[in-house]
N, C-alpha and C. Protein backbone atom coordinates (compact mmCIF):
# COMPACT_ATOMS: atom_id res chain seq x y z
N MET A 1 4.01 12.42 -10.00
CA MET A 1 4.99 12.00 -9.02
C MET A 1 4.28 11.27 -7.89
N LYS A 2 4.84 10.17 -7.44
CA LYS A 2 4.25 9.40 -6.35
C LYS A 2 4.72 9.96 -5.02
N HIS A 3 3.80 9.99 -4.08
CA HIS A 3 4.10 10.49 -2.73
C HIS A 3 3.67 9.45 -1.72
N THR A 4 4.45 9.28 -0.66
CA THR A 4 4.11 8.41 0.45
C THR A 4 4.26 9.21 1.72
N ILE A 5 3.17 9.34 2.45
CA ILE A 5 3.15 10.09 3.71
C ILE A 5 2.91 9.10 4.84
N SER A 6 3.65 9.26 5.92
CA SER A 6 3.44 8.47 7.13
C SER A 6 3.02 9.42 8.24
N ALA A 7 1.93 9.11 8.92
CA ALA A 7 1.44 9.97 10.00
C ALA A 7 1.13 9.13 11.23
N LEU A 8 1.65 9.57 12.36
CA LEU A 8 1.24 9.00 13.64
C LEU A 8 0.04 9.79 14.10
N VAL A 9 -1.04 9.07 14.42
CA VAL A 9 -2.31 9.72 14.75
C VAL A 9 -2.90 9.10 16.01
N ALA A 10 -3.79 9.84 16.65
CA ALA A 10 -4.52 9.30 17.80
C ALA A 10 -5.38 8.14 17.32
N ASN A 11 -5.37 7.06 18.07
CA ASN A 11 -6.14 5.87 17.72
C ASN A 11 -7.55 6.04 18.25
N ARG A 12 -8.39 6.71 17.44
CA ARG A 12 -9.77 6.95 17.86
C ARG A 12 -10.69 6.95 16.64
N SER A 13 -11.95 6.88 16.89
CA SER A 13 -12.97 6.82 15.85
C SER A 13 -12.96 8.08 14.98
N GLY A 14 -13.11 7.90 13.66
CA GLY A 14 -13.25 9.01 12.74
C GLY A 14 -11.97 9.55 12.14
N VAL A 15 -10.81 9.14 12.65
CA VAL A 15 -9.54 9.67 12.17
C VAL A 15 -9.31 9.33 10.70
N LEU A 16 -9.56 8.10 10.31
CA LEU A 16 -9.35 7.70 8.93
C LEU A 16 -10.25 8.50 7.99
N ALA A 17 -11.51 8.66 8.35
CA ALA A 17 -12.44 9.42 7.52
C ALA A 17 -12.03 10.89 7.42
N ASP A 18 -11.60 11.48 8.53
CA ASP A 18 -11.17 12.88 8.51
C ASP A 18 -9.93 13.07 7.64
N MET A 19 -9.00 12.12 7.71
CA MET A 19 -7.79 12.21 6.90
C MET A 19 -8.15 12.10 5.42
N ALA A 20 -8.99 11.15 5.07
CA ALA A 20 -9.40 10.99 3.68
C ALA A 20 -10.13 12.24 3.19
N GLU A 21 -10.91 12.87 4.03
CA GLU A 21 -11.64 14.08 3.68
C GLU A 21 -10.69 15.22 3.34
N GLU A 22 -9.56 15.32 4.04
CA GLU A 22 -8.58 16.37 3.75
C GLU A 22 -8.02 16.22 2.33
N PHE A 23 -7.77 14.98 1.93
CA PHE A 23 -7.27 14.74 0.57
C PHE A 23 -8.38 14.99 -0.46
N LYS A 24 -9.58 14.59 -0.13
CA LYS A 24 -10.72 14.82 -1.03
C LYS A 24 -10.93 16.32 -1.24
N ARG A 25 -10.85 17.10 -0.17
CA ARG A 25 -11.03 18.55 -0.24
C ARG A 25 -10.02 19.19 -1.20
N ARG A 26 -8.84 18.62 -1.28
CA ARG A 26 -7.78 19.14 -2.15
C ARG A 26 -7.85 18.54 -3.55
N GLY A 27 -8.80 17.64 -3.78
CA GLY A 27 -8.94 17.03 -5.10
C GLY A 27 -7.89 15.98 -5.40
N LEU A 28 -7.32 15.39 -4.37
CA LEU A 28 -6.27 14.38 -4.54
C LEU A 28 -6.85 12.98 -4.42
N ASN A 29 -6.43 12.10 -5.31
CA ASN A 29 -6.87 10.72 -5.27
C ASN A 29 -5.86 9.90 -4.47
N ILE A 30 -6.33 9.28 -3.42
CA ILE A 30 -5.47 8.40 -2.62
C ILE A 30 -5.38 7.06 -3.32
N ARG A 31 -4.16 6.62 -3.63
CA ARG A 31 -3.95 5.32 -4.27
C ARG A 31 -4.09 4.19 -3.26
N SER A 32 -3.58 4.40 -2.04
CA SER A 32 -3.78 3.43 -0.97
C SER A 32 -3.64 4.15 0.36
N ILE A 33 -4.32 3.60 1.34
CA ILE A 33 -4.23 4.13 2.70
C ILE A 33 -4.29 2.94 3.65
N SER A 34 -3.32 2.87 4.54
CA SER A 34 -3.25 1.79 5.52
C SER A 34 -3.17 2.41 6.89
N SER A 35 -3.82 1.79 7.84
CA SER A 35 -3.81 2.30 9.20
C SER A 35 -3.84 1.14 10.16
N GLY A 36 -3.02 1.23 11.20
CA GLY A 36 -3.01 0.19 12.22
C GLY A 36 -2.29 0.67 13.46
N GLU A 37 -2.56 -0.01 14.57
CA GLU A 37 -1.94 0.34 15.84
C GLU A 37 -0.43 0.23 15.76
N THR A 38 0.24 1.07 16.53
CA THR A 38 1.69 0.99 16.69
C THR A 38 1.99 0.20 17.96
N GLU A 39 3.22 0.31 18.43
CA GLU A 39 3.59 -0.33 19.69
C GLU A 39 2.82 0.26 20.87
N ASN A 40 2.26 1.45 20.67
CA ASN A 40 1.42 2.11 21.67
C ASN A 40 -0.04 1.99 21.21
N PRO A 41 -0.89 1.29 21.94
CA PRO A 41 -2.27 1.08 21.48
C PRO A 41 -3.09 2.37 21.35
N GLU A 42 -2.61 3.47 21.87
CA GLU A 42 -3.32 4.74 21.75
C GLU A 42 -2.92 5.51 20.49
N VAL A 43 -1.94 4.96 19.75
CA VAL A 43 -1.42 5.62 18.55
C VAL A 43 -1.48 4.66 17.36
N SER A 44 -1.95 5.17 16.22
CA SER A 44 -1.93 4.40 14.98
C SER A 44 -1.00 5.07 13.98
N ARG A 45 -0.46 4.27 13.07
CA ARG A 45 0.34 4.81 11.96
C ARG A 45 -0.51 4.69 10.70
N MET A 46 -0.65 5.81 10.00
CA MET A 46 -1.34 5.82 8.71
C MET A 46 -0.30 6.04 7.64
N VAL A 47 -0.34 5.21 6.60
CA VAL A 47 0.54 5.39 5.44
C VAL A 47 -0.38 5.68 4.26
N ILE A 48 -0.19 6.85 3.68
CA ILE A 48 -1.06 7.32 2.60
C ILE A 48 -0.22 7.49 1.35
N CYS A 49 -0.62 6.83 0.27
CA CYS A 49 0.07 6.93 -1.01
C CYS A 49 -0.84 7.62 -2.00
N PHE A 50 -0.30 8.62 -2.69
CA PHE A 50 -1.07 9.33 -3.70
C PHE A 50 -0.13 9.82 -4.77
N GLU A 51 -0.69 10.20 -5.91
CA GLU A 51 0.11 10.72 -7.02
C GLU A 51 -0.32 12.13 -7.34
N SER A 52 0.66 12.94 -7.77
CA SER A 52 0.34 14.28 -8.25
C SER A 52 -0.46 14.14 -9.53
N PRO A 53 -1.47 14.99 -9.72
CA PRO A 53 -2.24 14.91 -10.97
C PRO A 53 -1.37 15.25 -12.17
N ASN A 54 -1.63 14.58 -13.27
CA ASN A 54 -0.94 14.83 -14.54
C ASN A 54 0.57 14.63 -14.45
N GLY A 55 1.04 13.90 -13.42
CA GLY A 55 2.47 13.60 -13.32
C GLY A 55 3.35 14.80 -13.06
N LEU A 56 2.79 15.90 -12.59
CA LEU A 56 3.60 17.09 -12.32
C LEU A 56 4.46 16.85 -11.10
N ASN A 57 5.66 17.35 -11.10
CA ASN A 57 6.56 17.17 -9.97
C ASN A 57 6.15 18.04 -8.80
N GLY A 58 5.37 17.45 -7.90
CA GLY A 58 5.01 18.14 -6.68
C GLY A 58 3.84 19.09 -6.81
N ALA A 59 3.37 19.39 -8.01
CA ALA A 59 2.25 20.32 -8.15
C ALA A 59 0.95 19.59 -7.86
N LEU A 60 0.23 20.04 -6.87
CA LEU A 60 -0.98 19.38 -6.44
C LEU A 60 -2.13 20.37 -6.48
N ASN A 61 -2.74 20.56 -7.65
CA ASN A 61 -3.85 21.49 -7.77
C ASN A 61 -3.54 22.84 -7.13
N GLY A 62 -2.40 23.40 -7.43
CA GLY A 62 -2.02 24.70 -6.92
C GLY A 62 -1.25 24.65 -5.62
N ASP A 63 -1.32 23.55 -4.90
CA ASP A 63 -0.57 23.40 -3.66
C ASP A 63 0.65 22.55 -3.95
N ASP A 64 1.70 22.70 -3.16
CA ASP A 64 2.80 21.76 -3.32
C ASP A 64 2.74 20.74 -2.18
N THR A 65 3.56 19.72 -2.28
CA THR A 65 3.52 18.63 -1.32
C THR A 65 3.71 19.12 0.11
N SER A 66 4.57 20.09 0.30
CA SER A 66 4.78 20.60 1.66
C SER A 66 3.51 21.21 2.23
N ASP A 67 2.67 21.81 1.39
CA ASP A 67 1.38 22.35 1.87
C ASP A 67 0.47 21.23 2.36
N VAL A 68 0.48 20.11 1.66
CA VAL A 68 -0.33 18.96 2.08
C VAL A 68 0.19 18.44 3.41
N ILE A 69 1.51 18.30 3.53
CA ILE A 69 2.12 17.83 4.78
C ILE A 69 1.76 18.78 5.92
N GLU A 70 1.87 20.09 5.68
CA GLU A 70 1.54 21.07 6.72
C GLU A 70 0.07 20.98 7.12
N ALA A 71 -0.82 20.84 6.15
CA ALA A 71 -2.25 20.74 6.45
C ALA A 71 -2.55 19.50 7.28
N VAL A 72 -1.95 18.38 6.91
CA VAL A 72 -2.14 17.15 7.67
C VAL A 72 -1.57 17.31 9.07
N GLY A 73 -0.40 17.94 9.18
CA GLY A 73 0.24 18.14 10.48
C GLY A 73 -0.57 19.02 11.41
N ARG A 74 -1.40 19.90 10.87
CA ARG A 74 -2.23 20.79 11.70
C ARG A 74 -3.50 20.12 12.21
N MET A 75 -3.82 18.95 11.69
CA MET A 75 -5.04 18.26 12.13
C MET A 75 -4.88 17.86 13.60
N ALA A 76 -5.95 18.07 14.38
CA ALA A 76 -5.89 17.91 15.84
C ALA A 76 -5.42 16.53 16.28
N PHE A 77 -5.74 15.50 15.52
CA PHE A 77 -5.42 14.13 15.93
C PHE A 77 -4.05 13.66 15.46
N VAL A 78 -3.33 14.48 14.67
CA VAL A 78 -2.03 14.08 14.12
C VAL A 78 -0.93 14.41 15.13
N ILE A 79 -0.12 13.41 15.43
CA ILE A 79 0.99 13.57 16.36
C ILE A 79 2.26 13.94 15.61
N GLN A 80 2.50 13.28 14.47
CA GLN A 80 3.70 13.51 13.66
C GLN A 80 3.39 13.10 12.23
N VAL A 81 3.96 13.81 11.26
CA VAL A 81 3.77 13.46 9.85
C VAL A 81 5.10 13.58 9.13
N ASP A 82 5.38 12.65 8.23
CA ASP A 82 6.62 12.64 7.44
C ASP A 82 6.29 12.37 5.98
N ASP A 83 6.98 13.07 5.08
CA ASP A 83 6.91 12.77 3.65
C ASP A 83 8.01 11.77 3.37
N LEU A 84 7.67 10.50 3.31
CA LEU A 84 8.67 9.45 3.09
C LEU A 84 9.23 9.49 1.68
N SER A 85 8.54 10.14 0.76
CA SER A 85 9.01 10.23 -0.62
C SER A 85 10.36 10.90 -0.72
N ARG A 86 10.69 11.70 0.26
CA ARG A 86 11.95 12.45 0.26
C ARG A 86 13.01 11.82 1.16
N ARG A 87 12.76 10.58 1.60
CA ARG A 87 13.67 9.90 2.51
C ARG A 87 13.86 8.45 2.05
N GLU A 88 14.83 7.81 2.64
CA GLU A 88 14.99 6.37 2.45
C GLU A 88 13.97 5.68 3.33
N PHE A 89 13.18 4.74 2.76
CA PHE A 89 12.21 4.03 3.57
C PHE A 89 12.05 2.60 3.07
N VAL A 90 11.50 1.78 3.95
CA VAL A 90 11.20 0.38 3.65
C VAL A 90 9.69 0.29 3.52
N ASP A 91 9.21 -0.38 2.47
CA ASP A 91 7.78 -0.53 2.30
C ASP A 91 7.43 -1.96 1.92
N ARG A 92 6.23 -2.36 2.26
CA ARG A 92 5.73 -3.69 1.93
C ARG A 92 4.24 -3.61 1.63
N GLU A 93 3.79 -4.55 0.79
CA GLU A 93 2.38 -4.77 0.50
C GLU A 93 2.13 -6.26 0.64
N LEU A 94 0.88 -6.62 0.79
CA LEU A 94 0.47 -8.01 0.81
C LEU A 94 -0.58 -8.21 -0.28
N VAL A 95 -0.45 -9.31 -1.02
CA VAL A 95 -1.47 -9.66 -2.01
C VAL A 95 -1.88 -11.11 -1.79
N LEU A 96 -3.18 -11.34 -1.85
CA LEU A 96 -3.75 -12.69 -1.87
C LEU A 96 -4.41 -12.85 -3.23
N MET A 97 -4.12 -13.95 -3.91
CA MET A 97 -4.67 -14.17 -5.25
C MET A 97 -5.19 -15.59 -5.36
N LYS A 98 -6.37 -15.73 -5.96
CA LYS A 98 -6.91 -17.04 -6.30
C LYS A 98 -6.76 -17.19 -7.81
N ILE A 99 -6.01 -18.21 -8.23
CA ILE A 99 -5.64 -18.41 -9.62
C ILE A 99 -6.25 -19.72 -10.12
N GLN A 100 -6.74 -19.70 -11.38
CA GLN A 100 -7.22 -20.94 -12.00
C GLN A 100 -6.05 -21.90 -12.14
N ARG A 101 -6.35 -23.17 -11.98
CA ARG A 101 -5.29 -24.16 -12.20
C ARG A 101 -5.89 -25.44 -12.72
N ASP A 102 -5.06 -26.16 -13.44
CA ASP A 102 -5.39 -27.52 -13.85
C ASP A 102 -4.12 -28.34 -13.67
N CYS A 103 -4.20 -29.63 -13.91
CA CYS A 103 -3.04 -30.51 -13.68
C CYS A 103 -1.83 -30.08 -14.50
N GLU A 104 -2.07 -29.62 -15.73
CA GLU A 104 -0.96 -29.24 -16.60
C GLU A 104 -0.27 -27.95 -16.14
N SER A 105 -1.02 -27.04 -15.55
CA SER A 105 -0.45 -25.74 -15.19
C SER A 105 0.14 -25.71 -13.78
N LEU A 106 -0.16 -26.71 -12.95
CA LEU A 106 0.26 -26.66 -11.55
C LEU A 106 1.78 -26.58 -11.40
N SER A 107 2.54 -27.37 -12.14
CA SER A 107 4.00 -27.33 -11.98
C SER A 107 4.56 -25.98 -12.43
N GLN A 108 4.02 -25.40 -13.49
CA GLN A 108 4.48 -24.08 -13.94
C GLN A 108 4.13 -23.01 -12.91
N LEU A 109 2.93 -23.08 -12.36
CA LEU A 109 2.54 -22.14 -11.30
C LEU A 109 3.48 -22.25 -10.10
N MET A 110 3.79 -23.46 -9.69
CA MET A 110 4.66 -23.66 -8.53
C MET A 110 6.06 -23.10 -8.78
N GLN A 111 6.56 -23.23 -10.00
CA GLN A 111 7.87 -22.65 -10.33
C GLN A 111 7.85 -21.13 -10.20
N ILE A 112 6.79 -20.50 -10.69
CA ILE A 112 6.67 -19.04 -10.58
C ILE A 112 6.60 -18.63 -9.11
N LEU A 113 5.80 -19.35 -8.32
CA LEU A 113 5.67 -19.04 -6.90
C LEU A 113 7.01 -19.19 -6.18
N GLU A 114 7.78 -20.19 -6.57
CA GLU A 114 9.10 -20.39 -5.96
C GLU A 114 10.03 -19.23 -6.27
N VAL A 115 10.04 -18.77 -7.52
CA VAL A 115 10.90 -17.65 -7.92
C VAL A 115 10.56 -16.40 -7.10
N PHE A 116 9.26 -16.16 -6.89
CA PHE A 116 8.82 -14.97 -6.16
C PHE A 116 8.78 -15.19 -4.64
N ARG A 117 9.06 -16.42 -4.21
CA ARG A 117 8.96 -16.80 -2.80
C ARG A 117 7.56 -16.51 -2.25
N ALA A 118 6.57 -16.83 -3.05
CA ALA A 118 5.17 -16.69 -2.66
C ALA A 118 4.71 -17.99 -2.02
N GLY A 119 3.74 -17.91 -1.13
CA GLY A 119 3.26 -19.09 -0.44
C GLY A 119 1.88 -19.53 -0.91
N VAL A 120 1.65 -20.83 -0.85
CA VAL A 120 0.33 -21.38 -1.15
C VAL A 120 -0.43 -21.43 0.17
N VAL A 121 -1.62 -20.80 0.19
CA VAL A 121 -2.44 -20.78 1.41
C VAL A 121 -3.75 -21.52 1.23
N GLY A 122 -4.02 -21.98 0.02
CA GLY A 122 -5.23 -22.75 -0.23
C GLY A 122 -5.14 -23.45 -1.57
N LEU A 123 -5.67 -24.66 -1.62
CA LEU A 123 -5.62 -25.44 -2.85
C LEU A 123 -6.98 -26.11 -3.05
N GLY A 124 -7.62 -25.79 -4.16
CA GLY A 124 -8.88 -26.41 -4.52
C GLY A 124 -8.69 -27.26 -5.77
N GLU A 125 -9.76 -27.89 -6.22
CA GLU A 125 -9.67 -28.73 -7.41
C GLU A 125 -9.35 -27.93 -8.66
N LYS A 126 -9.88 -26.69 -8.70
CA LYS A 126 -9.71 -25.88 -9.90
C LYS A 126 -9.00 -24.55 -9.64
N SER A 127 -8.55 -24.33 -8.41
CA SER A 127 -7.88 -23.05 -8.10
C SER A 127 -6.80 -23.25 -7.05
N ILE A 128 -5.92 -22.28 -7.00
CA ILE A 128 -4.87 -22.22 -6.00
C ILE A 128 -4.86 -20.80 -5.44
N THR A 129 -4.79 -20.69 -4.13
CA THR A 129 -4.75 -19.38 -3.48
C THR A 129 -3.35 -19.15 -2.95
N ILE A 130 -2.78 -18.00 -3.29
CA ILE A 130 -1.40 -17.71 -2.92
C ILE A 130 -1.33 -16.39 -2.17
N GLU A 131 -0.22 -16.21 -1.45
CA GLU A 131 0.05 -14.95 -0.77
C GLU A 131 1.49 -14.53 -1.05
N LEU A 132 1.69 -13.23 -1.10
CA LEU A 132 3.03 -12.68 -1.28
C LEU A 132 3.09 -11.35 -0.56
N SER A 133 4.18 -11.12 0.16
CA SER A 133 4.43 -9.79 0.69
C SER A 133 5.76 -9.33 0.11
N GLY A 134 5.82 -8.05 -0.18
CA GLY A 134 7.04 -7.48 -0.75
C GLY A 134 6.80 -6.04 -1.16
N ASP A 135 7.81 -5.46 -1.79
CA ASP A 135 7.63 -4.09 -2.26
C ASP A 135 6.70 -4.10 -3.47
N SER A 136 6.26 -2.93 -3.86
CA SER A 136 5.25 -2.80 -4.93
C SER A 136 5.71 -3.45 -6.22
N GLU A 137 6.98 -3.33 -6.56
CA GLU A 137 7.49 -3.89 -7.81
C GLU A 137 7.39 -5.41 -7.80
N ARG A 138 7.69 -6.02 -6.67
CA ARG A 138 7.62 -7.47 -6.55
C ARG A 138 6.17 -7.95 -6.67
N VAL A 139 5.26 -7.26 -6.00
CA VAL A 139 3.84 -7.61 -6.07
C VAL A 139 3.33 -7.46 -7.50
N GLU A 140 3.67 -6.34 -8.14
CA GLU A 140 3.26 -6.11 -9.53
C GLU A 140 3.82 -7.19 -10.46
N GLY A 141 5.07 -7.58 -10.23
CA GLY A 141 5.69 -8.62 -11.05
C GLY A 141 4.97 -9.95 -10.94
N LEU A 142 4.60 -10.35 -9.73
CA LEU A 142 3.87 -11.60 -9.56
C LEU A 142 2.50 -11.52 -10.24
N ILE A 143 1.82 -10.40 -10.10
CA ILE A 143 0.51 -10.25 -10.73
C ILE A 143 0.64 -10.40 -12.24
N ARG A 144 1.66 -9.76 -12.84
CA ARG A 144 1.89 -9.87 -14.29
C ARG A 144 2.12 -11.32 -14.70
N MET A 145 2.92 -12.05 -13.92
CA MET A 145 3.25 -13.43 -14.26
C MET A 145 2.04 -14.36 -14.13
N LEU A 146 1.15 -14.09 -13.19
CA LEU A 146 0.03 -14.99 -12.94
C LEU A 146 -1.22 -14.64 -13.73
N THR A 147 -1.31 -13.45 -14.27
CA THR A 147 -2.49 -13.02 -15.03
C THR A 147 -2.83 -13.98 -16.18
N PRO A 148 -1.85 -14.47 -16.95
CA PRO A 148 -2.20 -15.39 -18.05
C PRO A 148 -2.87 -16.69 -17.59
N PHE A 149 -2.68 -17.09 -16.34
CA PHE A 149 -3.30 -18.32 -15.84
C PHE A 149 -4.78 -18.12 -15.53
N GLY A 150 -5.17 -16.87 -15.32
CA GLY A 150 -6.56 -16.55 -14.99
C GLY A 150 -6.71 -16.22 -13.52
N VAL A 151 -6.79 -14.94 -13.22
CA VAL A 151 -6.98 -14.49 -11.85
C VAL A 151 -8.48 -14.53 -11.55
N LEU A 152 -8.86 -15.37 -10.59
CA LEU A 152 -10.27 -15.50 -10.21
C LEU A 152 -10.68 -14.41 -9.23
N SER A 153 -9.79 -14.08 -8.32
CA SER A 153 -10.04 -12.98 -7.38
C SER A 153 -8.71 -12.56 -6.77
N MET A 154 -8.70 -11.32 -6.28
CA MET A 154 -7.47 -10.77 -5.71
C MET A 154 -7.82 -9.76 -4.63
N ALA A 155 -7.05 -9.76 -3.55
CA ALA A 155 -7.14 -8.74 -2.52
C ALA A 155 -5.72 -8.24 -2.27
N ARG A 156 -5.58 -6.93 -2.27
CA ARG A 156 -4.26 -6.33 -2.13
C ARG A 156 -4.32 -5.23 -1.08
N THR A 157 -3.37 -5.26 -0.16
CA THR A 157 -3.33 -4.22 0.87
C THR A 157 -2.72 -2.96 0.29
N GLY A 158 -2.83 -1.90 1.02
CA GLY A 158 -2.07 -0.71 0.68
C GLY A 158 -0.65 -0.88 1.20
N LYS A 159 0.16 0.09 0.87
CA LYS A 159 1.55 0.07 1.29
C LYS A 159 1.65 0.40 2.78
N ILE A 160 2.52 -0.32 3.49
CA ILE A 160 2.93 0.08 4.82
C ILE A 160 4.40 0.45 4.71
N ALA A 161 4.84 1.39 5.52
CA ALA A 161 6.21 1.89 5.35
C ALA A 161 6.76 2.46 6.65
N LEU A 162 8.09 2.38 6.78
CA LEU A 162 8.83 3.01 7.87
C LEU A 162 10.10 3.61 7.30
N LYS A 163 10.58 4.67 7.95
CA LYS A 163 11.87 5.26 7.55
C LYS A 163 12.97 4.24 7.82
N ARG A 164 13.99 4.25 6.97
CA ARG A 164 15.15 3.37 7.16
C ARG A 164 16.05 3.93 8.26
N GLY A 165 16.83 3.06 8.82
CA GLY A 165 17.88 3.48 9.75
C GLY A 165 17.37 3.84 11.13
N ASP A 166 18.17 4.63 11.83
CA ASP A 166 17.91 4.95 13.22
C ASP A 166 17.00 6.15 13.43
N GLU A 167 16.65 6.83 12.37
CA GLU A 167 15.83 8.04 12.48
C GLU A 167 14.43 7.75 12.95
């Protein structure tokens, strides 16, 4: 089962490493972790995505998801923590990809980019660099469509997320 946790934390040195250590101690693999300042420069939002081992619903090496949330919430630098997996939320990722291109493939590449509303951020003689932001499914879809052209390099952010609505 996939989990997405959002934590407001003190914006200070070592917080990211300490948070990652808590997951490591529990034997959990973090799929992505994003951290950045909020509207308050003294506070950062960390979005941590991880999966339960062996696809078990909520079973995390003997602990359940609420135990992980509680442990994170007890950390001295954590201001607030939410399990977004149990709520409605909006999420986005960013991907930058450098794709092989030749004269024959350029028009087909441009059609795919138009369908996904991806942008061209660089154009070389033999490659095209594109960017796309969207939910994970949209990013995965673009990667699948562009893989046959030859992916020369790729950089992908982790998920960022906020709860939906007024909450």
